[in-house]
Protein backbone atom coordinates (compact mmCIF):
# COMPACT_ATOMS: atom_id res chain seq x y z
CA MET A 1 33.00 4.69 17.01
CA THR A 2 36.02 6.47 15.50
CA TYR A 3 36.95 10.16 15.54
CA SER A 4 39.51 12.35 13.83
CA ASP A 5 42.68 13.09 15.79
CA SER A 6 41.50 16.64 16.42
CA PHE A 7 38.07 15.62 17.73
CA THR A 8 37.85 13.76 21.01
CA GLN A 9 35.13 11.72 22.70
CA GLU A 10 34.98 14.39 25.42
CA GLN A 11 34.34 17.09 22.81
CA PHE A 12 31.63 15.00 21.20
CA THR A 13 29.90 14.42 24.54
CA TYR A 14 30.19 18.12 25.37
CA GLY A 15 28.58 18.97 22.01
CA LEU A 16 25.74 16.56 22.68
CA GLU A 17 25.07 18.08 26.08
CA LYS A 18 25.14 21.62 24.66
CA GLY A 19 22.88 20.78 21.71
CA LEU A 20 25.54 21.48 19.07
CA PHE A 21 24.63 18.53 16.82
CA TYR A 22 21.71 17.75 14.53
CA PHE A 23 20.85 14.08 14.07
CA LEU A 24 19.32 12.93 10.78
CA ILE A 25 18.17 9.29 10.98
CA ASP A 26 17.08 8.30 7.50
CA GLY A 27 14.96 5.34 6.38
CA LEU A 28 13.50 3.99 9.61
CA ASP A 29 10.99 1.97 7.55
CA GLU A 30 13.86 -0.05 6.05
CA ILE A 31 14.50 -1.72 9.41
CA SER A 32 12.79 -5.07 9.90
CA ASP A 33 9.74 -5.22 12.17
CA LEU A 34 11.71 -7.32 14.67
CA GLN A 35 14.18 -4.46 15.22
CA GLN A 36 11.73 -1.55 15.02
CA SER A 37 10.85 -1.40 18.72
CA ASN A 38 14.50 -1.62 19.82
CA ILE A 39 15.63 1.12 17.44
CA GLN A 40 12.68 3.31 18.41
CA GLU A 41 13.54 2.87 22.09
CA GLU A 42 17.19 3.77 21.46
CA ILE A 43 16.23 6.93 19.57
CA SER A 44 13.81 7.89 22.32
CA THR A 45 16.52 7.36 24.96
CA LEU A 46 18.93 9.61 23.04
CA THR A 47 16.36 12.40 22.72
CA LEU A 48 15.70 12.30 26.47
CA LYS A 49 19.41 12.21 27.31
CA TYR A 50 20.30 15.05 24.94
CA PRO A 51 17.11 17.16 24.71
CA ASP A 52 18.88 20.18 23.17
CA CYS A 53 19.99 18.23 20.08
CA PRO A 54 17.38 18.21 17.28
CA PHE A 55 16.54 14.72 15.96
CA VAL A 56 15.01 14.27 12.50
CA VAL A 57 13.79 10.77 11.63
CA THR A 58 12.54 9.91 8.14
CA SER A 59 10.30 7.02 7.19
CA ARG A 60 7.29 6.03 5.17
CA PRO A 61 3.98 7.42 6.47
CA ASN A 62 2.15 5.82 9.42
CA GLU A 63 5.34 4.84 11.27
CA PHE A 64 5.18 7.54 13.96
CA THR A 65 1.70 7.14 15.40
CA THR A 66 2.99 6.08 18.85
CA TRP A 67 6.04 8.35 19.12
CA ALA A 68 6.15 10.79 22.01
CA ASN A 69 8.10 14.09 22.11
CA PHE A 70 8.19 14.25 18.29
CA HIS A 71 6.32 16.41 15.82
CA VAL A 72 5.25 14.60 12.64
CA ALA A 73 5.97 16.46 9.40
CA HIS A 74 5.04 15.19 5.95
CA LEU A 75 7.13 15.80 2.85
CA LEU A 76 4.86 17.59 0.44
CA PRO A 77 4.58 16.18 -3.09
CA PHE A 78 5.48 18.27 -6.12
CA ASP A 79 2.82 20.49 -7.55
CA TYR A 80 2.70 21.13 -11.30
CA ARG A 81 5.18 24.05 -11.27
CA GLN A 82 7.64 22.27 -9.00
CA CYS A 83 7.55 19.20 -11.24
CA GLN A 84 8.28 21.35 -14.29
CA SER A 85 11.17 23.04 -12.47
CA PHE A 86 12.58 19.67 -11.43
CA ILE A 87 12.45 18.26 -14.98
CA LYS A 88 14.28 21.34 -16.31
CA LYS A 89 17.12 20.76 -13.83
CA ILE A 90 17.64 17.08 -14.70
CA ASP A 91 20.90 16.35 -16.55
CA TYR A 92 19.33 15.07 -19.77
CA VAL A 93 19.18 15.98 -23.45
CA GLU A 94 17.51 19.39 -23.66
CA GLU A 95 15.46 18.52 -26.74
CA ARG A 96 13.99 15.44 -25.00
CA LYS A 97 13.16 17.46 -21.90
CA THR A 98 11.44 20.12 -24.01
CA ASP A 99 9.28 17.47 -25.72
CA PHE A 100 8.29 16.04 -22.34
CA LEU A 101 7.51 19.46 -20.86
CA GLU A 102 5.31 20.32 -23.86
CA PHE A 103 3.43 17.07 -23.27
CA LEU A 104 3.22 17.73 -19.54
CA THR A 105 0.21 20.03 -19.38
CA GLU A 106 -1.57 20.75 -16.11
CA TYR A 107 -4.25 18.28 -17.19
CA LYS A 108 -1.65 15.55 -17.79
CA PHE A 109 -0.01 16.31 -14.46
CA ALA A 110 -3.34 15.94 -12.66
CA GLU A 111 -3.99 12.66 -14.51
CA HIS A 112 -0.62 11.21 -13.43
CA GLU A 113 -0.06 13.20 -10.24
CA GLU A 114 0.69 10.07 -8.18
CA PHE A 115 3.86 9.51 -10.23
CA LEU A 116 4.83 13.05 -11.24
CA SER A 117 4.62 14.45 -7.71
CA ASN A 118 7.49 12.12 -6.69
CA PRO A 119 10.99 13.30 -7.82
CA LEU A 120 12.38 9.84 -8.60
CA LEU A 121 9.27 8.61 -10.39
CA ALA A 122 9.03 11.89 -12.29
CA SER A 123 12.53 11.31 -13.69
CA MET A 124 11.46 7.76 -14.59
CA MET A 125 8.48 9.27 -16.36
CA LEU A 126 10.83 11.37 -18.48
CA LEU A 127 12.80 8.26 -19.53
CA THR A 128 9.62 6.31 -20.23
CA PHE A 129 8.08 9.13 -22.26
CA ASP A 130 11.30 9.49 -24.27
CA GLU A 131 11.15 5.79 -25.13
CA TYR A 132 7.42 5.33 -25.75
CA GLY A 133 6.09 8.82 -26.43
CA ASP A 134 3.38 8.53 -23.79
CA ILE A 135 2.74 7.94 -20.09
CA PRO A 136 0.88 4.76 -19.09
CA ALA A 137 -2.25 5.34 -17.03
CA LYS A 138 -1.96 2.15 -14.96
CA ARG A 139 0.68 1.82 -12.28
CA HIS A 140 1.91 -1.66 -13.20
CA ILE A 141 2.26 -0.76 -16.90
CA PHE A 142 4.36 2.25 -15.90
CA TYR A 143 6.72 0.06 -13.86
CA GLU A 144 6.95 -2.51 -16.66
CA LYS A 145 7.88 0.18 -19.17
CA CYS A 146 10.33 1.71 -16.71
CA PHE A 147 12.03 -1.67 -16.46
CA GLN A 148 12.23 -1.99 -20.22
CA VAL A 149 13.84 1.45 -20.40
CA LEU A 150 16.26 0.87 -17.51
CA ILE A 151 17.56 -2.43 -18.82
CA LYS A 152 18.73 -0.61 -21.95
CA GLU A 153 21.82 1.60 -21.76
CA HIS A 154 21.21 5.38 -21.71
CA ASP A 155 24.08 7.84 -21.66
CA ALA A 156 23.91 11.62 -21.35
CA SER A 157 23.70 12.18 -25.11
CA LYS A 158 21.04 9.50 -25.61
CA GLY A 159 23.48 7.58 -27.77
CA ARG A 160 22.62 3.93 -27.20
CA PHE A 161 24.70 0.83 -27.59
CA HIS A 162 24.00 -2.76 -26.72
CA ARG A 163 25.76 -3.70 -23.52
CA PRO A 164 25.87 -7.46 -22.92
CA LEU A 165 24.84 -8.48 -19.44
CA LYS A 166 27.78 -9.44 -17.27
CA SER A 167 25.85 -12.45 -15.96
CA LYS A 168 25.36 -13.65 -19.57
CA LEU A 169 21.69 -14.17 -18.74
CA SER A 170 18.95 -13.20 -21.15
CA HIS A 171 16.89 -10.16 -20.22
CA GLU A 172 13.97 -12.48 -19.47
CA ASN A 173 16.00 -14.65 -17.08
CA LEU A 174 17.60 -11.67 -15.37
CA GLU A 175 14.14 -10.17 -14.82
CA LYS A 176 12.97 -13.53 -13.46
CA VAL A 177 15.83 -13.63 -10.93
CA PHE A 178 15.11 -10.06 -9.90
CA MET A 179 11.41 -10.86 -9.53
CA TYR A 180 12.22 -13.73 -7.14
CA PHE A 181 14.79 -11.54 -5.38
CA CYS A 182 12.03 -8.97 -4.75
CA ALA A 183 9.58 -11.66 -3.60
CA ILE A 184 11.99 -13.18 -1.08
CA THR A 185 13.22 -9.86 0.31
CA TYR A 186 9.69 -8.43 0.51
CA GLN A 187 8.55 -11.40 2.57
CA ASP A 188 11.63 -11.02 4.80
CA GLN A 189 10.89 -7.29 5.11
CA LYS A 190 14.36 -6.44 3.83
CA TYR A 191 14.82 -3.23 1.85
CA ARG A 192 18.48 -2.46 2.45
CA PHE A 193 21.30 -5.01 2.39
CA ASN A 194 24.98 -5.36 3.13
CA LEU A 195 27.18 -7.21 0.63
CA GLN A 196 26.74 -10.62 2.27
CA GLU A 197 22.96 -10.23 2.52
CA VAL A 198 22.42 -9.12 -1.08
CA ASP A 199 24.53 -12.03 -2.36
CA LYS A 200 22.62 -14.47 -0.15
CA TYR A 201 19.28 -13.34 -1.57
CA ILE A 202 20.63 -13.39 -5.13
CA GLU A 203 21.82 -16.96 -4.61
CA LEU A 204 18.35 -17.99 -3.38
CA ALA A 205 16.63 -16.19 -6.27
CA SER A 206 18.95 -17.62 -8.96
CA GLN A 207 17.99 -21.16 -7.92
CA THR A 208 14.65 -20.55 -9.66
CA LEU A 209 16.32 -20.65 -13.08
CA SER A 210 15.61 -23.89 -14.92
CA SER A 211 18.85 -23.60 -16.90
CA ASP A 212 21.84 -25.64 -15.73
CA LYS A 213 24.12 -22.81 -16.79
CA ILE A 214 26.31 -21.70 -13.92
CA CYS A 215 26.09 -18.00 -13.22
CA LYS A 216 28.12 -16.09 -10.65
CA GLY A 217 26.07 -14.30 -8.03
CA ASN A 218 28.32 -11.25 -8.06
CA ASP A 219 27.78 -10.93 -11.84
CA ILE A 220 24.02 -10.89 -11.28
CA ARG A 221 24.54 -8.32 -8.54
CA TYR A 222 26.53 -6.20 -11.01
CA ASP A 223 23.65 -6.38 -13.50
CA PHE A 224 21.10 -5.45 -10.86
CA VAL A 225 23.14 -2.33 -10.05
CA HIS A 226 24.64 -1.31 -13.40
CA SER A 227 22.68 -2.99 -16.20
CA MET A 228 19.17 -2.73 -14.74
CA SER A 229 19.81 0.22 -12.39
CA LEU A 230 17.18 -1.10 -9.98
CA LEU A 231 19.56 -1.43 -7.03
CA LEU A 232 21.64 1.45 -5.73
CA GLN A 233 25.07 0.76 -4.24
CA ASP A 234 26.55 2.86 -1.46
CA GLY A 235 29.86 1.32 -0.49
CA ASN A 236 29.06 -2.19 0.69
CA PHE A 237 25.36 -1.47 1.10
CA PHE A 238 22.56 -1.86 -1.45
CA GLU A 239 18.98 -0.66 -1.62
CA PHE A 240 16.17 -0.49 -4.16
CA ILE A 241 16.15 2.56 -6.40
CA HIS A 242 12.61 2.98 -5.06
CA ARG A 243 10.71 0.56 -2.85
CA SER A 244 7.72 0.65 -5.17
CA PHE A 245 9.76 -1.39 -7.67
CA GLN A 246 10.13 -4.13 -5.08
CA GLU A 247 6.34 -4.05 -4.62
CA TYR A 248 5.78 -4.18 -8.37
CA PHE A 249 8.01 -7.21 -8.97
CA PHE A 250 6.57 -9.05 -5.99
CA ALA A 251 3.06 -8.39 -7.32
CA LYS A 252 4.18 -9.64 -10.74
CA PHE A 253 5.56 -12.81 -9.14
CA ILE A 254 2.25 -13.44 -7.34
CA VAL A 255 0.26 -13.03 -10.56
CA ASN A 256 2.65 -15.02 -12.77
CA ASP A 257 3.14 -17.97 -10.44
CA ARG A 258 0.08 -20.24 -10.69
CA LYS A 259 1.46 -23.33 -8.94
CA LEU A 260 0.23 -22.17 -5.53
CA GLU A 261 -3.35 -21.03 -5.05
CA LEU A 262 -3.73 -17.25 -4.90
CA GLU A 263 -5.60 -17.49 -1.60
CA ASN A 264 -2.65 -19.29 0.00
CA LYS A 265 -0.17 -16.80 -1.41
CA LEU A 266 -2.03 -13.71 -0.22
CA ASP A 267 -3.00 -15.10 3.18
CA ASN A 268 0.67 -15.74 3.88
CA ILE A 269 1.72 -12.13 3.33
CA ASP A 270 2.05 -10.46 6.72
CA GLY A 271 -0.15 -7.41 7.15
CA LEU A 272 -1.38 -7.51 3.54
CA PHE A 273 -4.44 -5.36 4.23
CA SER A 274 -2.60 -2.75 6.27
CA SER A 275 -2.25 0.73 4.74
CA ALA A 276 1.49 0.15 4.23
CA LYS A 277 0.77 -2.64 1.73
CA SER A 278 -2.25 -1.18 -0.03
CA ASN A 279 -0.17 -0.52 -3.16
CA LEU A 280 0.75 -4.19 -3.43
CA ILE A 281 -2.81 -5.52 -3.32
CA ALA A 282 -3.96 -2.81 -5.74
CA MET A 283 -1.27 -3.79 -8.27
CA ILE A 284 -2.15 -7.49 -8.02
CA ASP A 285 -5.79 -6.64 -8.69
CA ASP A 286 -4.85 -4.31 -11.54
CA MET A 287 -2.49 -6.78 -13.23
CA ASP A 288 -5.08 -9.54 -13.52
CA HIS A 289 -8.46 -8.51 -12.18
CA ASP A 290 -10.24 -11.73 -13.23
CA TYR A 291 -7.63 -13.90 -11.53
CA PHE A 292 -7.77 -11.82 -8.36
CA GLU A 293 -11.55 -11.73 -8.29
CA THR A 294 -12.25 -15.40 -9.02
CA GLU A 295 -9.35 -16.94 -7.08
CA TYR A 296 -9.42 -14.69 -4.03
CA VAL A 297 -12.45 -12.42 -3.66
CA LEU A 298 -14.91 -15.14 -4.70
CA LYS A 299 -13.49 -17.62 -2.18
CA LYS A 300 -13.68 -15.11 0.67
CA LEU A 301 -17.24 -14.21 -0.35
CA ALA A 302 -18.20 -17.88 -0.30
CA ILE A 303 -17.01 -18.18 3.31
CA LEU A 304 -18.88 -15.04 4.40
CA ASN A 305 -22.12 -15.94 2.61
CA GLU A 306 -22.12 -19.45 4.02
CA TYR A 307 -21.83 -17.96 7.50
CA PHE A 308 -24.52 -15.31 6.84
CA GLU A 309 -26.99 -17.76 5.31
CA SER A 310 -28.40 -18.97 8.63
CA ILE A 311 -28.37 -15.54 10.31
CA ASP A 312 -31.46 -13.38 10.76
CA ALA A 313 -29.86 -9.98 10.11
CA GLU A 314 -32.83 -8.06 11.48
CA ASN A 315 -32.88 -9.81 14.85
CA GLU A 316 -29.21 -10.80 15.10
CA PRO A 317 -27.39 -7.80 13.57
CA GLU A 318 -24.33 -8.23 15.79
CA LYS A 319 -23.54 -11.52 14.03
CA ILE A 320 -23.21 -9.57 10.78
CA PHE A 321 -21.27 -6.58 12.14
CA ASN A 322 -18.87 -8.69 14.22
CA LYS A 323 -17.42 -10.14 11.03
CA PHE A 324 -16.08 -6.68 10.21
CA ILE A 325 -15.72 -4.75 13.44
CA THR A 326 -16.50 -5.03 17.17
CA THR A 327 -16.71 -1.31 17.96
CA ILE A 328 -19.01 0.82 15.83
CA ARG A 329 -18.89 4.56 15.32
CA MET A 330 -21.71 6.85 14.25
CA VAL A 331 -20.72 10.29 12.97
CA ARG A 332 -23.25 13.11 12.76
CA LEU A 333 -23.73 14.69 9.35
CA LEU A 334 -22.75 18.34 9.20
CA ASN A 335 -25.80 20.59 8.98
CA PRO A 336 -24.41 24.15 9.19
CA LEU A 337 -27.51 25.83 7.76
CA LYS A 338 -29.90 23.66 9.80
CA LEU A 339 -31.52 22.49 6.57
CA LEU A 340 -32.05 18.96 7.87
CA LYS A 341 -35.07 18.55 10.11
CA LYS A 342 -33.55 15.55 11.84
CA ASP A 343 -30.11 14.64 13.07
CA LYS A 344 -28.57 12.18 10.62
CA PHE A 345 -25.64 9.90 11.33
CA THR A 346 -23.45 7.87 9.04
CA LEU A 347 -22.20 4.48 10.20
CA MET A 348 -18.46 3.67 10.27
CA ILE A 349 -18.20 -0.10 10.15
CA PHE A 350 -14.91 -0.89 8.42
CA THR A 351 -11.94 -2.20 10.35
CA PRO A 352 -9.14 0.42 10.10
CA PHE A 353 -6.22 -0.62 7.90
CA ASN A 354 -3.79 -1.57 10.64
CA LYS A 355 -1.47 -4.57 10.68
CA ASP A 356 -2.21 -5.10 14.39
CA LYS A 357 -5.95 -5.60 13.79
CA ASP A 358 -7.64 -9.00 13.54
CA LYS A 359 -6.60 -10.57 10.22
CA GLU A 360 -10.02 -12.04 9.40
CA MET A 361 -11.73 -8.69 10.03
CA LEU A 362 -9.21 -6.91 7.80
CA ILE A 363 -9.88 -9.37 4.97
CA ASN A 364 -13.66 -9.14 5.41
CA SER A 365 -13.53 -5.33 5.49
CA PHE A 366 -11.45 -5.36 2.31
CA ILE A 367 -14.03 -7.60 0.59
CA LEU A 368 -16.89 -5.36 1.73
CA ARG A 369 -15.04 -2.31 0.37
CA LYS A 370 -14.85 -4.10 -2.99
CA CYS A 371 -18.65 -4.50 -3.02
CA LYS A 372 -19.79 -1.44 -5.01
CA LYS A 373 -23.46 -2.13 -4.32
CA PHE A 374 -22.97 -1.80 -0.57
CA ILE A 375 -20.62 1.19 -0.87
CA ASN A 376 -23.22 3.06 -2.96
CA TYR A 377 -25.86 2.18 -0.39
CA ALA A 378 -23.69 3.32 2.53
CA LYS A 379 -23.02 6.67 0.84
CA LYS A 380 -26.73 7.43 0.60
CA HIS A 381 -28.18 5.78 3.70
CA TYR A 382 -28.18 7.64 7.01
CA ILE A 383 -29.57 6.84 10.43
CA ASP A 384 -32.11 9.28 11.88
CA LEU A 385 -31.45 9.82 15.57
CA SER A 386 -32.15 12.84 17.71
CA SER A 387 -29.81 13.83 20.51
CA ASN A 388 -32.60 13.11 22.99
CA LYS A 389 -32.98 9.59 21.64
CA ILE A 390 -29.23 8.97 21.88
CA LEU A 391 -29.12 10.28 25.45
CA LYS A 392 -32.07 8.11 26.39
CA ILE A 393 -30.34 4.99 25.01
CA HIS A 394 -27.14 6.02 26.76
CA ASN A 395 -28.95 6.29 30.11
CA GLU A 396 -30.97 3.09 29.70
CA TYR A 397 -27.97 1.01 28.69
CA ASN A 398 -25.38 2.51 31.03
CA ASN A 399 -23.96 -0.95 31.70
CA PHE A 400 -22.81 -1.10 28.06
CA ASN A 401 -19.81 0.68 26.58
CA ILE A 402 -21.27 3.82 24.96
CA LYS A 403 -19.16 6.94 24.48
CA LEU A 404 -20.52 10.29 23.34
CA ARG A 405 -18.68 13.31 22.00
CA ARG A 406 -20.29 16.75 21.82
CA ASP A 407 -19.31 19.93 20.01
CA GLU A 408 -19.22 23.43 21.47
CA ASP A 409 -23.03 23.67 21.25
CA LYS A 410 -23.38 20.44 23.26
CA THR A 411 -24.72 18.70 20.14
CA ILE A 412 -23.81 15.02 19.93
CA VAL A 413 -21.49 14.59 16.94
CA HIS A 414 -19.88 11.22 17.61
CA VAL A 415 -21.19 8.00 19.15
CA ILE A 416 -18.99 4.95 19.81
CA PHE A 417 -20.50 1.72 21.05
CA ASP A 418 -19.86 -2.02 21.15
CA SER A 419 -21.39 -4.20 18.46
CA ASN A 420 -24.07 -5.49 20.78
CA ARG A 421 -27.51 -6.81 19.71
CA GLU A 422 -29.61 -4.54 21.95
CA LEU A 423 -27.61 -1.43 21.09
CA LEU A 424 -27.61 -2.11 17.33
CA ILE A 425 -31.38 -2.49 17.38
CA GLU A 426 -31.87 0.62 19.54
CA PHE A 427 -29.58 2.66 17.27
CA ASN A 428 -31.56 1.57 14.17
CA CYS A 429 -28.60 -0.31 12.61
CA THR A 430 -30.47 -3.44 11.54
CA GLN A 431 -31.10 -2.19 7.99
CA TYR A 432 -27.34 -1.87 7.50
CA ALA A 433 -26.88 -5.46 8.66
CA GLN A 434 -29.57 -6.69 6.27
CA TYR A 435 -28.03 -4.84 3.36
CA ILE A 436 -24.53 -6.12 4.10
CA LYS A 437 -25.87 -9.67 3.90
CA LYS A 438 -27.85 -9.04 0.70
CA SER A 439 -25.19 -7.04 -1.16
CA LEU A 440 -22.42 -9.57 -0.46
CA ASN A 441 -24.67 -12.38 -1.64
CA ASP A 442 -25.44 -10.43 -4.84
CA TYR A 443 -21.73 -9.69 -5.31
CA TYR A 444 -20.92 -13.41 -5.06
CA HIS A 445 -23.51 -14.43 -7.66
CA ASP A 446 -22.52 -11.53 -9.94
CA ILE A 447 -18.93 -12.79 -10.08
CA LEU A 448 -20.14 -16.35 -10.67
CA SER A 449 -22.39 -15.20 -13.51
CA ARG A 450 -19.68 -13.16 -15.22
CA THR A 451 -17.14 -15.97 -14.82
CA LYS A 452 -19.54 -18.52 -16.28
CA LYS A 453 -20.29 -16.27 -19.26
CA GLN A 454 -16.59 -15.63 -19.88
CA ARG A 455 -15.79 -19.34 -19.65
CA SER A 456 -18.62 -20.11 -22.05
CA ILE A 457 -17.21 -17.72 -24.65
CA ILE A 458 -13.74 -19.22 -24.32
CA ASP A 459 -14.91 -22.84 -24.46
CA GLU A 460 -17.66 -22.63 -27.06
CA ILE A 461 -16.42 -19.93 -29.41
CA ILE A 462 -12.63 -19.99 -29.25
CA PHE A 463 -12.03 -23.73 -28.91
CA LYS A 464 -15.08 -25.78 -29.87
CA ASN A 465 -16.03 -23.80 -32.98
CA ARG A 466 -12.55 -22.92 -34.11
CA LYS A 467 -11.86 -23.86 -37.70
CA LEU A 468 -8.51 -25.52 -38.23
């Protein structure tokens, strides 16, 4: 560590001990998973050693669930007025901003709030609107149009000229290299790079080009930063202009590449069904729903239905539930006006989106969430159980793991218990198990039917009856 001549190590240590410094540690989520625990431990050690110094750590959501001695604060998204104010302050042609702001009604903001509530994506929206005169509704179309805008040169006066790419690659080939660059770095959990690292990944990605034309890696790096504006450079360090672009291009790679089966590709993505990667799986589904449904969902459904086929859901409910979760929660429905004659509970049977959870359960829970028939059933079906009945079960099965939570009136509002046959039957959960089995079987045959019909149209109408 270096200091100015007028600032000594002793002064710095004194300032730390007196709480004279604020520490801002930005981008914790950009550290690889292998280093996360070490960095977290070092930060924790510093806060304990210098408790009077405030520490502010920024990251994506869900990174601070296990942190002690910290208060979690969330950066609030823009509301409609804040978004308008932000657009007005952007250094851009006034006439173009006025057109965009006239288009940006409160209704339009609500329709595209996911993008417009984010400062960077809101500015991208302005560029995209200026180019296309509209805002795409689907996430992946927005990113595609953003890319098309960014790869063209925009100066402050909107005067445009054609700038040849320094790498001499076509736009298509440069996008292909960037797509592979995003795929490799996403799998390596790398979001920020030094000069050597970024060039290493560019070299790996450029090997995907079928052309024998030699292209310098540093020229491609230049195009990533200056021609495409998708990488930001800060000295000898580089990072994505926004990590969602890395997710988009990785999703595009997964959908475009058909040499490897989709099931193999997705099952080899670490923590795919964790909340941190929910955007990725949603974009893959959105880009090519038929491909995702037939090549992934259908195959997972086939495995589940084959397993369920020989199970008597009424008498062996645990064999159904244990494919999704091992600990079940029942939550009492709110009844503030005492309109319900009975206590009703809803069943919580999905595995939480957490990368540390069992992978098979996460996949199965994801598939069950995709099953609209079951979701509609679960929204309307409740279990009738009185507090007396629950207490009786709790007393009779005291050798099992049953936890009760009561409110201020001593009313049971939360029941947690192991997915055990006797308990599931006593808690009237067998109908849920039966419906899980039936709805997943119907879902499987529905996809098969739709796929067969679609294939029939393609084969019989487009090809067989086509007049040449």
